[in-house]
Amino acid sequence: MGDVAQGADFLGGLWPGAQGIADPEKRLYDAFGVARGGVKEMFGPGAFACGVRAAAKGNFIGRKQGDPWTLPSFVLVDDDHIVWRHDGDHAGDHPRWGEILDRVRT
């Protein structure tokens, strides 16, 4: 839900050259039916464990952009087709980035 520069910064560290869409009004989130979490999804054991693992790698929680209760969702679109999607079960549930790259390579 951040702006173009924030999205480029996020993607640049994960997948240089990937293009994202800035959606601060949350229109695509709503269109894709991205869920909102509650206390368990944001602060429960799964989210906490991922936070500890991220901190051990030197990654920390930054300033939240947009709706802080929105769960993570990653959608890979090719033309007008969704070719891969990951909807997080909790705040720290991110996809295995290699799965996305495998989809792109095929």
N, C-alpha and C. Protein backbone atom coordinates (compact mmCIF):
# COMPACT_ATOMS: atom_id res chain seq x y z
N MET A 1 0.81 -1.20 0.00
CA MET A 1 0.00 0.00 0.00
C MET A 1 0.85 1.26 0.00
N GLY A 2 2.14 1.05 -0.15
CA GLY A 2 3.03 2.20 -0.18
C GLY A 2 3.04 2.88 -1.54
N ASP A 3 3.92 3.86 -1.66
CA ASP A 3 4.03 4.58 -2.93
C ASP A 3 5.03 3.87 -3.85
N VAL A 4 5.24 4.42 -5.03
CA VAL A 4 6.09 3.80 -6.04
C VAL A 4 7.53 3.62 -5.53
N ALA A 5 8.08 4.63 -4.88
CA ALA A 5 9.46 4.54 -4.38
C ALA A 5 9.59 3.45 -3.31
N GLN A 6 8.62 3.34 -2.42
CA GLN A 6 8.67 2.31 -1.38
C GLN A 6 8.57 0.91 -2.00
N GLY A 7 7.73 0.77 -3.00
CA GLY A 7 7.61 -0.52 -3.69
C GLY A 7 8.89 -0.90 -4.41
N ALA A 8 9.50 0.06 -5.07
CA ALA A 8 10.76 -0.21 -5.77
C ALA A 8 11.85 -0.60 -4.79
N ASP A 9 11.89 0.05 -3.64
CA ASP A 9 12.87 -0.28 -2.61
C ASP A 9 12.64 -1.70 -2.10
N PHE A 10 11.40 -2.07 -1.85
CA PHE A 10 11.06 -3.41 -1.36
C PHE A 10 11.42 -4.47 -2.40
N LEU A 11 10.96 -4.29 -3.63
CA LEU A 11 11.22 -5.29 -4.67
C LEU A 11 12.69 -5.35 -5.06
N GLY A 12 13.36 -4.20 -5.03
CA GLY A 12 14.76 -4.16 -5.44
C GLY A 12 15.65 -5.08 -4.63
N GLY A 13 15.33 -5.22 -3.35
CA GLY A 13 16.12 -6.11 -2.50
C GLY A 13 15.77 -7.57 -2.67
N LEU A 14 14.59 -7.86 -3.19
CA LEU A 14 14.13 -9.23 -3.35
C LEU A 14 14.28 -9.75 -4.77
N TRP A 15 13.93 -8.89 -5.72
CA TRP A 15 13.89 -9.31 -7.12
C TRP A 15 14.19 -8.11 -8.00
N PRO A 16 15.46 -7.79 -8.18
CA PRO A 16 15.82 -6.64 -9.01
C PRO A 16 15.21 -6.80 -10.41
N GLY A 17 14.65 -5.73 -10.92
CA GLY A 17 14.04 -5.75 -12.24
C GLY A 17 12.56 -6.06 -12.25
N ALA A 18 12.02 -6.56 -11.13
CA ALA A 18 10.58 -6.83 -11.06
C ALA A 18 9.82 -5.52 -11.02
N GLN A 19 8.63 -5.53 -11.56
CA GLN A 19 7.79 -4.33 -11.54
C GLN A 19 6.61 -4.57 -10.62
N GLY A 20 6.31 -3.60 -9.81
CA GLY A 20 5.17 -3.69 -8.90
C GLY A 20 4.18 -2.58 -9.20
N ILE A 21 3.08 -2.61 -8.51
CA ILE A 21 2.04 -1.60 -8.66
C ILE A 21 1.82 -0.95 -7.31
N ALA A 22 1.90 0.37 -7.26
CA ALA A 22 1.59 1.09 -6.03
C ALA A 22 0.07 1.15 -5.89
N ASP A 23 -0.42 0.84 -4.70
CA ASP A 23 -1.87 0.78 -4.48
C ASP A 23 -2.24 1.36 -3.12
N PRO A 24 -1.90 2.64 -2.88
CA PRO A 24 -2.18 3.22 -1.57
C PRO A 24 -3.67 3.29 -1.22
N GLU A 25 -4.53 3.29 -2.22
CA GLU A 25 -5.98 3.32 -1.95
C GLU A 25 -6.55 1.93 -1.70
N LYS A 26 -5.72 0.90 -1.86
CA LYS A 26 -6.09 -0.49 -1.58
C LYS A 26 -7.14 -1.05 -2.54
N ARG A 27 -7.19 -0.55 -3.74
CA ARG A 27 -8.17 -1.02 -4.71
C ARG A 27 -7.90 -2.46 -5.16
N LEU A 28 -6.63 -2.76 -5.47
CA LEU A 28 -6.31 -4.13 -5.88
C LEU A 28 -6.43 -5.10 -4.72
N TYR A 29 -6.05 -4.67 -3.54
CA TYR A 29 -6.20 -5.53 -2.37
C TYR A 29 -7.66 -5.96 -2.24
N ASP A 30 -8.56 -4.99 -2.38
CA ASP A 30 -9.99 -5.29 -2.28
C ASP A 30 -10.45 -6.18 -3.44
N ALA A 31 -9.99 -5.87 -4.65
CA ALA A 31 -10.40 -6.65 -5.82
C ALA A 31 -9.92 -8.10 -5.73
N PHE A 32 -8.74 -8.31 -5.16
CA PHE A 32 -8.20 -9.66 -5.01
C PHE A 32 -8.71 -10.33 -3.73
N GLY A 33 -9.47 -9.62 -2.93
CA GLY A 33 -10.02 -10.22 -1.71
C GLY A 33 -8.98 -10.51 -0.65
N VAL A 34 -7.96 -9.67 -0.55
CA VAL A 34 -6.91 -9.87 0.45
C VAL A 34 -7.52 -9.68 1.84
N ALA A 35 -7.26 -10.67 2.70
CA ALA A 35 -7.86 -10.69 4.03
C ALA A 35 -7.20 -9.72 5.00
N ARG A 36 -7.95 -9.36 6.00
CA ARG A 36 -7.44 -8.59 7.14
C ARG A 36 -7.30 -9.57 8.30
N GLY A 37 -6.27 -9.39 9.08
CA GLY A 37 -6.04 -10.26 10.22
C GLY A 37 -6.54 -9.64 11.51
N GLY A 38 -6.51 -10.44 12.54
CA GLY A 38 -6.83 -9.99 13.88
C GLY A 38 -5.58 -10.07 14.74
N VAL A 39 -5.77 -10.03 16.03
CA VAL A 39 -4.63 -10.06 16.96
C VAL A 39 -3.79 -11.32 16.77
N LYS A 40 -4.42 -12.47 16.61
CA LYS A 40 -3.68 -13.73 16.44
C LYS A 40 -2.81 -13.70 15.19
N GLU A 41 -3.37 -13.21 14.07
CA GLU A 41 -2.62 -13.18 12.82
C GLU A 41 -1.48 -12.16 12.84
N MET A 42 -1.65 -11.10 13.60
CA MET A 42 -0.62 -10.06 13.64
C MET A 42 0.43 -10.28 14.73
N PHE A 43 0.02 -10.88 15.85
CA PHE A 43 0.93 -10.98 16.99
C PHE A 43 1.05 -12.39 17.56
N GLY A 44 0.39 -13.37 16.96
CA GLY A 44 0.38 -14.74 17.46
C GLY A 44 1.71 -15.45 17.25
N PRO A 45 1.75 -16.73 17.60
CA PRO A 45 3.00 -17.50 17.53
C PRO A 45 3.65 -17.53 16.15
N GLY A 46 2.86 -17.70 15.10
CA GLY A 46 3.44 -17.74 13.75
C GLY A 46 4.10 -16.43 13.37
N ALA A 47 3.41 -15.34 13.62
CA ALA A 47 3.96 -14.02 13.30
C ALA A 47 5.18 -13.73 14.17
N PHE A 48 5.10 -14.09 15.44
CA PHE A 48 6.22 -13.84 16.36
C PHE A 48 7.46 -14.62 15.92
N ALA A 49 7.29 -15.90 15.59
CA ALA A 49 8.42 -16.73 15.15
C ALA A 49 9.08 -16.16 13.90
N CYS A 50 8.26 -15.71 12.96
CA CYS A 50 8.81 -15.10 11.74
C CYS A 50 9.54 -13.80 12.06
N GLY A 51 9.02 -13.04 13.01
CA GLY A 51 9.68 -11.81 13.42
C GLY A 51 11.03 -12.05 14.03
N VAL A 52 11.13 -13.09 14.86
CA VAL A 52 12.42 -13.45 15.47
C VAL A 52 13.41 -13.89 14.39
N ARG A 53 12.93 -14.72 13.46
CA ARG A 53 13.80 -15.20 12.37
C ARG A 53 14.27 -14.02 11.51
N ALA A 54 13.38 -13.09 11.21
CA ALA A 54 13.76 -11.92 10.41
C ALA A 54 14.78 -11.06 11.15
N ALA A 55 14.55 -10.85 12.44
CA ALA A 55 15.47 -10.04 13.24
C ALA A 55 16.86 -10.67 13.28
N ALA A 56 16.91 -12.00 13.35
CA ALA A 56 18.20 -12.69 13.35
C ALA A 56 18.97 -12.46 12.05
N LYS A 57 18.23 -12.20 10.97
CA LYS A 57 18.85 -11.91 9.67
C LYS A 57 19.14 -10.42 9.49
N GLY A 58 18.77 -9.61 10.49
CA GLY A 58 19.00 -8.17 10.39
C GLY A 58 17.83 -7.40 9.81
N ASN A 59 16.68 -8.04 9.66
CA ASN A 59 15.49 -7.38 9.13
C ASN A 59 14.56 -7.04 10.29
N PHE A 60 14.08 -5.82 10.30
CA PHE A 60 13.22 -5.37 11.39
C PHE A 60 11.95 -4.77 10.83
N ILE A 61 10.96 -4.65 11.66
CA ILE A 61 9.68 -4.08 11.25
C ILE A 61 9.88 -2.60 10.97
N GLY A 62 9.47 -2.20 9.80
CA GLY A 62 9.53 -0.80 9.43
C GLY A 62 8.20 -0.12 9.72
N ARG A 63 8.11 1.10 9.31
CA ARG A 63 6.88 1.84 9.50
C ARG A 63 5.80 1.24 8.61
N LYS A 64 4.69 0.92 9.18
CA LYS A 64 3.59 0.30 8.45
C LYS A 64 2.98 1.29 7.47
N GLN A 65 2.68 0.80 6.28
CA GLN A 65 2.04 1.62 5.25
C GLN A 65 0.60 1.16 5.10
N GLY A 66 -0.32 2.06 5.03
CA GLY A 66 -1.72 1.70 4.79
C GLY A 66 -2.37 1.03 5.98
N ASP A 67 -3.26 0.11 5.70
CA ASP A 67 -4.03 -0.61 6.72
C ASP A 67 -3.12 -1.61 7.45
N PRO A 68 -2.83 -1.39 8.71
CA PRO A 68 -1.89 -2.27 9.42
C PRO A 68 -2.43 -3.67 9.68
N TRP A 69 -3.70 -3.91 9.44
CA TRP A 69 -4.29 -5.23 9.70
C TRP A 69 -4.38 -6.08 8.43
N THR A 70 -3.92 -5.56 7.30
CA THR A 70 -3.96 -6.33 6.06
C THR A 70 -2.89 -7.40 6.08
N LEU A 71 -3.29 -8.62 5.77
CA LEU A 71 -2.34 -9.73 5.72
C LEU A 71 -1.52 -9.65 4.43
N PRO A 72 -0.31 -10.23 4.45
CA PRO A 72 0.50 -10.19 3.23
C PRO A 72 -0.11 -11.04 2.12
N SER A 73 -0.02 -10.52 0.92
CA SER A 73 -0.48 -11.25 -0.25
C SER A 73 0.42 -10.87 -1.41
N PHE A 74 0.83 -11.85 -2.18
CA PHE A 74 1.70 -11.63 -3.32
C PHE A 74 1.06 -12.30 -4.52
N VAL A 75 0.89 -11.54 -5.59
CA VAL A 75 0.21 -12.03 -6.78
C VAL A 75 1.11 -11.78 -7.99
N LEU A 76 1.38 -12.84 -8.75
CA LEU A 76 2.17 -12.71 -9.96
C LEU A 76 1.21 -12.75 -11.14
N VAL A 77 1.22 -11.65 -11.90
CA VAL A 77 0.28 -11.50 -13.01
C VAL A 77 1.08 -11.43 -14.31
N ASP A 78 0.62 -12.15 -15.31
CA ASP A 78 1.20 -12.10 -16.65
C ASP A 78 0.08 -11.74 -17.60
N ASP A 79 0.18 -10.56 -18.20
CA ASP A 79 -0.91 -9.99 -18.99
C ASP A 79 -2.14 -9.89 -18.10
N ASP A 80 -3.19 -10.62 -18.42
CA ASP A 80 -4.40 -10.54 -17.60
C ASP A 80 -4.66 -11.85 -16.86
N HIS A 81 -3.60 -12.64 -16.62
CA HIS A 81 -3.74 -13.92 -15.94
C HIS A 81 -2.95 -13.94 -14.63
N ILE A 82 -3.57 -14.44 -13.59
CA ILE A 82 -2.85 -14.68 -12.34
C ILE A 82 -2.16 -16.03 -12.51
N VAL A 83 -0.83 -16.02 -12.47
CA VAL A 83 -0.09 -17.26 -12.67
C VAL A 83 0.43 -17.85 -11.36
N TRP A 84 0.40 -17.06 -10.30
CA TRP A 84 0.85 -17.55 -9.00
C TRP A 84 0.34 -16.60 -7.93
N ARG A 85 0.00 -17.16 -6.78
CA ARG A 85 -0.50 -16.31 -5.69
C ARG A 85 -0.15 -16.95 -4.35
N HIS A 86 0.18 -16.08 -3.41
CA HIS A 86 0.41 -16.50 -2.03
C HIS A 86 -0.36 -15.55 -1.11
N ASP A 87 -1.24 -16.10 -0.30
CA ASP A 87 -1.96 -15.32 0.71
C ASP A 87 -1.46 -15.74 2.08
N GLY A 88 -0.93 -14.79 2.83
CA GLY A 88 -0.36 -15.10 4.13
C GLY A 88 -1.41 -15.46 5.17
N ASP A 89 -1.05 -16.42 6.01
CA ASP A 89 -1.92 -16.82 7.14
C ASP A 89 -1.71 -15.92 8.35
N HIS A 90 -0.56 -15.23 8.39
CA HIS A 90 -0.25 -14.31 9.48
C HIS A 90 0.69 -13.24 8.95
N ALA A 91 0.98 -12.25 9.76
CA ALA A 91 1.74 -11.08 9.31
C ALA A 91 3.12 -11.42 8.77
N GLY A 92 3.74 -12.47 9.24
CA GLY A 92 5.08 -12.82 8.79
C GLY A 92 5.12 -13.91 7.74
N ASP A 93 3.97 -14.30 7.22
CA ASP A 93 3.88 -15.40 6.26
C ASP A 93 4.13 -14.90 4.85
N HIS A 94 5.39 -14.92 4.46
CA HIS A 94 5.78 -14.48 3.13
C HIS A 94 6.04 -15.71 2.27
N PRO A 95 5.97 -15.56 0.96
CA PRO A 95 6.18 -16.71 0.09
C PRO A 95 7.65 -17.10 0.03
N ARG A 96 7.88 -18.25 -0.53
CA ARG A 96 9.25 -18.65 -0.86
C ARG A 96 9.53 -18.01 -2.22
N TRP A 97 10.40 -17.05 -2.22
CA TRP A 97 10.63 -16.26 -3.43
C TRP A 97 11.08 -17.12 -4.59
N GLY A 98 11.76 -18.22 -4.31
CA GLY A 98 12.20 -19.12 -5.38
C GLY A 98 11.02 -19.69 -6.16
N GLU A 99 9.87 -19.89 -5.50
CA GLU A 99 8.69 -20.40 -6.20
C GLU A 99 8.23 -19.42 -7.27
N ILE A 100 8.32 -18.15 -6.97
CA ILE A 100 7.93 -17.14 -7.95
C ILE A 100 8.89 -17.18 -9.13
N LEU A 101 10.18 -17.22 -8.85
CA LEU A 101 11.17 -17.24 -9.92
C LEU A 101 11.03 -18.49 -10.78
N ASP A 102 10.69 -19.63 -10.16
CA ASP A 102 10.46 -20.85 -10.93
C ASP A 102 9.30 -20.66 -11.89
N ARG A 103 8.25 -19.98 -11.46
CA ARG A 103 7.09 -19.71 -12.32
C ARG A 103 7.47 -18.82 -13.50
N VAL A 104 8.32 -17.85 -13.22
CA VAL A 104 8.71 -16.91 -14.25
C VAL A 104 9.57 -17.60 -15.30
N ARG A 105 10.39 -18.52 -14.86
CA ARG A 105 11.31 -19.21 -15.78
C ARG A 105 10.62 -20.21 -16.68
N THR A 106 9.41 -20.67 -16.30
CA THR A 106 8.73 -21.68 -17.12
C THR A 106 7.84 -21.07 -18.17
